Amino acid sequence: MKTEETIMQSVVEQVRSIKEAIAEEHGYDVHAMIASARARQERSGRIIIRSEAGNRTSGWTATADRGESA
C-alpha cells in the first residue's frame, strides 16, 4: 500500500516532468511558455483573474474569457 509520502513524491515527479516537457516544447523560452499558458486559459471557458499589468499593488481584475466583463 502506498503511503501519503510516496503519493506526494509521485505527484511532485509528475508535475516536474510536465513542467520540463512544456519548457522543452517551447525551447525553454519563458515568454513563449507564458503566451502558451495564457492561450490555454483563454480556451478553457473559465473566468480568468489577473493583476493589472506592471502594478502588483493595484488589486486584481476578473475577466470572462468570452470577452465579457465580470
PDB file of N, CA and C in Angstrom:
ATOM      1  N   MET A   1       0.843  -1.181   0.000  1.00  0.00           N
ATOM      2  CA  MET A   1       0.000   0.000   0.000  1.00  0.00           C
ATOM      3  C   MET A   1       0.888   1.244   0.000  1.00  0.00           C
ATOM      4  N   LYS A   2       0.534   2.222  -0.822  1.00  0.00           N
ATOM      5  CA  LYS A   2       1.321   3.441  -0.916  1.00  0.00           C
ATOM      6  C   LYS A   2       1.058   4.337   0.289  1.00  0.00           C
ATOM      7  N   THR A   3       2.130   4.913   0.772  1.00  0.00           N
ATOM      8  CA  THR A   3       1.990   5.863   1.871  1.00  0.00           C
ATOM      9  C   THR A   3       1.709   7.243   1.297  1.00  0.00           C
ATOM     10  N   GLU A   4       1.280   8.131   2.152  1.00  0.00           N
ATOM     11  CA  GLU A   4       0.994   9.502   1.717  1.00  0.00           C
ATOM     12  C   GLU A   4       2.260  10.149   1.152  1.00  0.00           C
ATOM     13  N   GLU A   5       3.397   9.878   1.782  1.00  0.00           N
ATOM     14  CA  GLU A   5       4.662  10.443   1.314  1.00  0.00           C
ATOM     15  C   GLU A   5       5.007   9.923  -0.088  1.00  0.00           C
ATOM     16  N   THR A   6       4.789   8.653  -0.334  1.00  0.00           N
ATOM     17  CA  THR A   6       5.058   8.062  -1.641  1.00  0.00           C
ATOM     18  C   THR A   6       4.151   8.675  -2.700  1.00  0.00           C
ATOM     19  N   ILE A   7       2.903   8.888  -2.365  1.00  0.00           N
ATOM     20  CA  ILE A   7       1.953   9.506  -3.292  1.00  0.00           C
ATOM     21  C   ILE A   7       2.389  10.934  -3.605  1.00  0.00           C
ATOM     22  N   MET A   8       2.783  11.689  -2.578  1.00  0.00           N
ATOM     23  CA  MET A   8       3.235  13.063  -2.777  1.00  0.00           C
ATOM     24  C   MET A   8       4.475  13.109  -3.658  1.00  0.00           C
ATOM     25  N   GLN A   9       5.411  12.198  -3.447  1.00  0.00           N
ATOM     26  CA  GLN A   9       6.613  12.148  -4.272  1.00  0.00           C
ATOM     27  C   GLN A   9       6.249  11.869  -5.723  1.00  0.00           C
ATOM     28  N   SER A  10       5.300  10.994  -5.926  1.00  0.00           N
ATOM     29  CA  SER A  10       4.856  10.663  -7.273  1.00  0.00           C
ATOM     30  C   SER A  10       4.221  11.871  -7.952  1.00  0.00           C
ATOM     31  N   VAL A  11       3.402  12.600  -7.219  1.00  0.00           N
ATOM     32  CA  VAL A  11       2.754  13.796  -7.763  1.00  0.00           C
ATOM     33  C   VAL A  11       3.809  14.839  -8.124  1.00  0.00           C
ATOM     34  N   VAL A  12       4.767  15.050  -7.237  1.00  0.00           N
ATOM     35  CA  VAL A  12       5.827  16.028  -7.490  1.00  0.00           C
ATOM     36  C   VAL A  12       6.617  15.627  -8.733  1.00  0.00           C
ATOM     37  N   GLU A  13       6.945  14.356  -8.868  1.00  0.00           N
ATOM     38  CA  GLU A  13       7.669  13.873 -10.046  1.00  0.00           C
ATOM     39  C   GLU A  13       6.863  14.114 -11.318  1.00  0.00           C
ATOM     40  N   GLN A  14       5.561  13.881 -11.272  1.00  0.00           N
ATOM     41  CA  GLN A  14       4.713  14.098 -12.444  1.00  0.00           C
ATOM     42  C   GLN A  14       4.672  15.581 -12.822  1.00  0.00           C
ATOM     43  N   VAL A  15       4.529  16.447 -11.819  1.00  0.00           N
ATOM     44  CA  VAL A  15       4.491  17.890 -12.077  1.00  0.00           C
ATOM     45  C   VAL A  15       5.810  18.348 -12.688  1.00  0.00           C
ATOM     46  N   ARG A  16       6.912  17.881 -12.140  1.00  0.00           N
ATOM     47  CA  ARG A  16       8.225  18.261 -12.685  1.00  0.00           C
ATOM     48  C   ARG A  16       8.395  17.758 -14.105  1.00  0.00           C
ATOM     49  N   SER A  17       7.919  16.574 -14.379  1.00  0.00           N
ATOM     50  CA  SER A  17       8.013  16.002 -15.723  1.00  0.00           C
ATOM     51  C   SER A  17       7.203  16.833 -16.721  1.00  0.00           C
ATOM     52  N   ILE A  18       6.007  17.222 -16.327  1.00  0.00           N
ATOM     53  CA  ILE A  18       5.152  18.047 -17.194  1.00  0.00           C
ATOM     54  C   ILE A  18       5.800  19.407 -17.411  1.00  0.00           C
ATOM     55  N   LYS A  19       6.326  19.998 -16.338  1.00  0.00           N
ATOM     56  CA  LYS A  19       6.990  21.305 -16.437  1.00  0.00           C
ATOM     57  C   LYS A  19       8.172  21.228 -17.403  1.00  0.00           C
ATOM     58  N   GLU A  20       8.960  20.186 -17.309  1.00  0.00           N
ATOM     59  CA  GLU A  20      10.109  20.016 -18.192  1.00  0.00           C
ATOM     60  C   GLU A  20       9.661  19.839 -19.644  1.00  0.00           C
ATOM     61  N   ALA A  21       8.593  19.069 -19.864  1.00  0.00           N
ATOM     62  CA  ALA A  21       8.085  18.858 -21.224  1.00  0.00           C
ATOM     63  C   ALA A  21       7.593  20.166 -21.837  1.00  0.00           C
ATOM     64  N   ILE A  22       6.905  20.969 -21.052  1.00  0.00           N
ATOM     65  CA  ILE A  22       6.416  22.263 -21.547  1.00  0.00           C
ATOM     66  C   ILE A  22       7.599  23.173 -21.872  1.00  0.00           C
ATOM     67  N   ALA A  23       8.594  23.210 -21.002  1.00  0.00           N
ATOM     68  CA  ALA A  23       9.773  24.045 -21.238  1.00  0.00           C
ATOM     69  C   ALA A  23      10.499  23.607 -22.504  1.00  0.00           C
ATOM     70  N   GLU A  24      10.675  22.318 -22.666  1.00  0.00           N
ATOM     71  CA  GLU A  24      11.358  21.793 -23.851  1.00  0.00           C
ATOM     72  C   GLU A  24      10.562  22.111 -25.122  1.00  0.00           C
ATOM     73  N   GLU A  25       9.242  21.954 -25.044  1.00  0.00           N
ATOM     74  CA  GLU A  25       8.365  22.225 -26.190  1.00  0.00           C
ATOM     75  C   GLU A  25       8.515  23.666 -26.688  1.00  0.00           C
ATOM     76  N   HIS A  26       8.808  24.576 -25.776  1.00  0.00           N
ATOM     77  CA  HIS A  26       8.911  25.994 -26.123  1.00  0.00           C
ATOM     78  C   HIS A  26      10.354  26.482 -26.158  1.00  0.00           C
ATOM     79  N   GLY A  27      11.293  25.553 -26.272  1.00  0.00           N
ATOM     80  CA  GLY A  27      12.697  25.926 -26.361  1.00  0.00           C
ATOM     81  C   GLY A  27      13.207  26.662 -25.142  1.00  0.00           C
ATOM     82  N   TYR A  28      12.632  26.377 -23.987  1.00  0.00           N
ATOM     83  CA  TYR A  28      12.994  26.997 -22.714  1.00  0.00           C
ATOM     84  C   TYR A  28      12.852  28.520 -22.751  1.00  0.00           C
ATOM     85  N   ASP A  29      11.977  29.004 -23.616  1.00  0.00           N
ATOM     86  CA  ASP A  29      11.688  30.435 -23.744  1.00  0.00           C
ATOM     87  C   ASP A  29      10.522  30.772 -22.820  1.00  0.00           C
ATOM     88  N   VAL A  30      10.824  31.507 -21.743  1.00  0.00           N
ATOM     89  CA  VAL A  30       9.812  31.820 -20.734  1.00  0.00           C
ATOM     90  C   VAL A  30       8.641  32.581 -21.344  1.00  0.00           C
ATOM     91  N   HIS A  31       8.928  33.517 -22.238  1.00  0.00           N
ATOM     92  CA  HIS A  31       7.860  34.309 -22.850  1.00  0.00           C
ATOM     93  C   HIS A  31       6.930  33.427 -23.685  1.00  0.00           C
ATOM     94  N   ALA A  32       7.494  32.461 -24.392  1.00  0.00           N
ATOM     95  CA  ALA A  32       6.680  31.535 -25.193  1.00  0.00           C
ATOM     96  C   ALA A  32       5.837  30.644 -24.286  1.00  0.00           C
ATOM     97  N   MET A  33       6.408  30.214 -23.169  1.00  0.00           N
ATOM     98  CA  MET A  33       5.662  29.373 -22.224  1.00  0.00           C
ATOM     99  C   MET A  33       4.486  30.140 -21.632  1.00  0.00           C
ATOM    100  N   ILE A  34       4.709  31.403 -21.282  1.00  0.00           N
ATOM    101  CA  ILE A  34       3.639  32.227 -20.713  1.00  0.00           C
ATOM    102  C   ILE A  34       2.549  32.472 -21.744  1.00  0.00           C
ATOM    103  N   ALA A  35       2.937  32.773 -22.978  1.00  0.00           N
ATOM    104  CA  ALA A  35       1.951  33.003 -24.036  1.00  0.00           C
ATOM    105  C   ALA A  35       1.106  31.747 -24.255  1.00  0.00           C
ATOM    106  N   SER A  36       1.739  30.592 -24.234  1.00  0.00           N
ATOM    107  CA  SER A  36       1.018  29.333 -24.407  1.00  0.00           C
ATOM    108  C   SER A  36       0.049  29.087 -23.252  1.00  0.00           C
ATOM    109  N   ALA A  37       0.507  29.358 -22.028  1.00  0.00           N
ATOM    110  CA  ALA A  37      -0.357  29.163 -20.853  1.00  0.00           C
ATOM    111  C   ALA A  37      -1.561  30.092 -20.910  1.00  0.00           C
ATOM    112  N   ARG A  38      -1.335  31.337 -21.308  1.00  0.00           N
ATOM    113  CA  ARG A  38      -2.454  32.285 -21.412  1.00  0.00           C
ATOM    114  C   ARG A  38      -3.437  31.854 -22.499  1.00  0.00           C
ATOM    115  N   ALA A  39      -2.930  31.338 -23.601  1.00  0.00           N
ATOM    116  CA  ALA A  39      -3.812  30.856 -24.672  1.00  0.00           C
ATOM    117  C   ALA A  39      -4.665  29.690 -24.162  1.00  0.00           C
ATOM    118  N   ARG A  40      -4.056  28.772 -23.388  1.00  0.00           N
ATOM    119  CA  ARG A  40      -4.821  27.647 -22.814  1.00  0.00           C
ATOM    120  C   ARG A  40      -5.891  28.166 -21.861  1.00  0.00           C
ATOM    121  N   GLN A  41      -5.548  29.190 -21.072  1.00  0.00           N
ATOM    122  CA  GLN A  41      -6.522  29.776 -20.151  1.00  0.00           C
ATOM    123  C   GLN A  41      -7.700  30.362 -20.921  1.00  0.00           C
ATOM    124  N   GLU A  42      -7.407  31.082 -21.982  1.00  0.00           N
ATOM    125  CA  GLU A  42      -8.471  31.701 -22.782  1.00  0.00           C
ATOM    126  C   GLU A  42      -9.397  30.646 -23.384  1.00  0.00           C
ATOM    127  N   ARG A  43      -8.843  29.514 -23.791  1.00  0.00           N
ATOM    128  CA  ARG A  43      -9.658  28.450 -24.396  1.00  0.00           C
ATOM    129  C   ARG A  43     -10.416  27.621 -23.357  1.00  0.00           C
ATOM    130  N   SER A  44     -10.088  27.795 -22.077  1.00  0.00           N
ATOM    131  CA  SER A  44     -10.633  26.930 -21.034  1.00  0.00           C
ATOM    132  C   SER A  44     -12.119  27.136 -20.762  1.00  0.00           C
ATOM    133  N   GLY A  45     -12.638  28.326 -21.085  1.00  0.00           N
ATOM    134  CA  GLY A  45     -14.039  28.598 -20.794  1.00  0.00           C
ATOM    135  C   GLY A  45     -14.273  29.045 -19.359  1.00  0.00           C
ATOM    136  N   ARG A  46     -13.219  29.259 -18.601  1.00  0.00           N
ATOM    137  CA  ARG A  46     -13.331  29.688 -17.210  1.00  0.00           C
ATOM    138  C   ARG A  46     -13.048  31.175 -17.081  1.00  0.00           C
ATOM    139  N   ILE A  47     -13.501  31.764 -16.002  1.00  0.00           N
ATOM    140  CA  ILE A  47     -13.196  33.169 -15.730  1.00  0.00           C
ATOM    141  C   ILE A  47     -11.737  33.255 -15.295  1.00  0.00           C
ATOM    142  N   ILE A  48     -11.030  34.217 -15.859  1.00  0.00           N
ATOM    143  CA  ILE A  48      -9.602  34.386 -15.600  1.00  0.00           C
ATOM    144  C   ILE A  48      -9.412  35.630 -14.747  1.00  0.00           C
ATOM    145  N   ILE A  49      -8.635  35.513 -13.695  1.00  0.00           N
ATOM    146  CA  ILE A  49      -8.360  36.634 -12.814  1.00  0.00           C
ATOM    147  C   ILE A  49      -6.883  36.974 -12.953  1.00  0.00           C
ATOM    148  N   ARG A  50      -6.607  38.232 -13.294  1.00  0.00           N
ATOM    149  CA  ARG A  50      -5.236  38.696 -13.485  1.00  0.00           C
ATOM    150  C   ARG A  50      -5.031  40.006 -12.747  1.00  0.00           C
ATOM    151  N   SER A  51      -3.793  40.233 -12.321  1.00  0.00           N
ATOM    152  CA  SER A  51      -3.470  41.538 -11.748  1.00  0.00           C
ATOM    153  C   SER A  51      -3.268  42.517 -12.896  1.00  0.00           C
ATOM    154  N   GLU A  52      -3.388  43.791 -12.596  1.00  0.00           N
ATOM    155  CA  GLU A  52      -3.163  44.794 -13.624  1.00  0.00           C
ATOM    156  C   GLU A  52      -1.690  44.765 -14.005  1.00  0.00           C
ATOM    157  N   ALA A  53      -1.407  44.855 -15.279  1.00  0.00           N
ATOM    158  CA  ALA A  53      -0.038  44.741 -15.786  1.00  0.00           C
ATOM    159  C   ALA A  53       0.875  45.756 -15.120  1.00  0.00           C
ATOM    160  N   GLY A  54       1.996  45.283 -14.607  1.00  0.00           N
ATOM    161  CA  GLY A  54       3.017  46.154 -14.063  1.00  0.00           C
ATOM    162  C   GLY A  54       2.699  46.795 -12.738  1.00  0.00           C
ATOM    163  N   ASN A  55       1.565  46.475 -12.131  1.00  0.00           N
ATOM    164  CA  ASN A  55       1.210  47.127 -10.876  1.00  0.00           C
ATOM    165  C   ASN A  55       0.641  46.097  -9.913  1.00  0.00           C
ATOM    166  N   ARG A  56       1.503  45.495  -9.134  1.00  0.00           N
ATOM    167  CA  ARG A  56       1.078  44.430  -8.231  1.00  0.00           C
ATOM    168  C   ARG A  56       0.263  44.938  -7.046  1.00  0.00           C
ATOM    169  N   THR A  57       0.299  46.221  -6.764  1.00  0.00           N
ATOM    170  CA  THR A  57      -0.411  46.743  -5.590  1.00  0.00           C
ATOM    171  C   THR A  57      -1.808  47.242  -5.924  1.00  0.00           C
ATOM    172  N   SER A  58      -2.182  47.227  -7.202  1.00  0.00           N
ATOM    173  CA  SER A  58      -3.458  47.824  -7.581  1.00  0.00           C
ATOM    174  C   SER A  58      -4.647  46.896  -7.394  1.00  0.00           C
ATOM    175  N   GLY A  59      -4.403  45.642  -7.096  1.00  0.00           N
ATOM    176  CA  GLY A  59      -5.505  44.706  -6.936  1.00  0.00           C
ATOM    177  C   GLY A  59      -5.657  43.819  -8.150  1.00  0.00           C
ATOM    178  N   TRP A  60      -6.752  43.113  -8.187  1.00  0.00           N
ATOM    179  CA  TRP A  60      -6.975  42.108  -9.216  1.00  0.00           C
ATOM    180  C   TRP A  60      -8.212  42.443 -10.010  1.00  0.00           C
ATOM    181  N   THR A  61      -8.229  42.008 -11.263  1.00  0.00           N
ATOM    182  CA  THR A  61      -9.404  42.175 -12.104  1.00  0.00           C
ATOM    183  C   THR A  61      -9.817  40.810 -12.630  1.00  0.00           C
ATOM    184  N   ALA A  62     -11.095  40.612 -12.779  1.00  0.00           N
ATOM    185  CA  ALA A  62     -11.603  39.355 -13.321  1.00  0.00           C
ATOM    186  C   ALA A  62     -12.184  39.620 -14.688  1.00  0.00           C
ATOM    187  N   THR A  63     -11.856  38.758 -15.619  1.00  0.00           N
ATOM    188  CA  THR A  63     -12.430  38.876 -16.960  1.00  0.00           C
ATOM    189  C   THR A  63     -12.918  37.514 -17.406  1.00  0.00           C
ATOM    190  N   ALA A  64     -14.037  37.506 -18.053  1.00  0.00           N
ATOM    191  CA  ALA A  64     -14.539  36.261 -18.625  1.00  0.00           C
ATOM    192  C   ALA A  64     -13.815  36.043 -19.931  1.00  0.00           C
ATOM    193  N   ASP A  65     -13.405  34.824 -20.197  1.00  0.00           N
ATOM    194  CA  ASP A  65     -12.642  34.564 -21.417  1.00  0.00           C
ATOM    195  C   ASP A  65     -13.468  34.701 -22.674  1.00  0.00           C
ATOM    196  N   ARG A  66     -14.758  34.893 -22.554  1.00  0.00           N
ATOM    197  CA  ARG A  66     -15.626  35.053 -23.726  1.00  0.00           C
ATOM    198  C   ARG A  66     -15.758  36.511 -24.109  1.00  0.00           C
ATOM    199  N   GLY A  67     -14.902  37.372 -23.540  1.00  0.00           N
ATOM    200  CA  GLY A  67     -14.931  38.779 -23.881  1.00  0.00           C
ATOM    201  C   GLY A  67     -15.891  39.597 -23.035  1.00  0.00           C
ATOM    202  N   GLU A  68     -16.543  38.971 -22.077  1.00  0.00           N
ATOM    203  CA  GLU A  68     -17.472  39.684 -21.209  1.00  0.00           C
ATOM    204  C   GLU A  68     -16.740  40.216 -19.994  1.00  0.00           C
ATOM    205  N   SER A  69     -17.197  41.281 -19.416  1.00  0.00           N
ATOM    206  CA  SER A  69     -16.626  41.787 -18.184  1.00  0.00           C
ATOM    207  C   SER A  69     -17.302  41.100 -17.015  1.00  0.00           C
ATOM    208  N   ALA A  70     -16.532  40.778 -16.012  1.00  0.00           N
ATOM    209  CA  ALA A  70     -17.087  40.129 -14.832  1.00  0.00           C
ATOM    210  C   ALA A  70     -17.284  41.135 -13.722  1.00  0.00           C
TER     211      ALA A  70
END
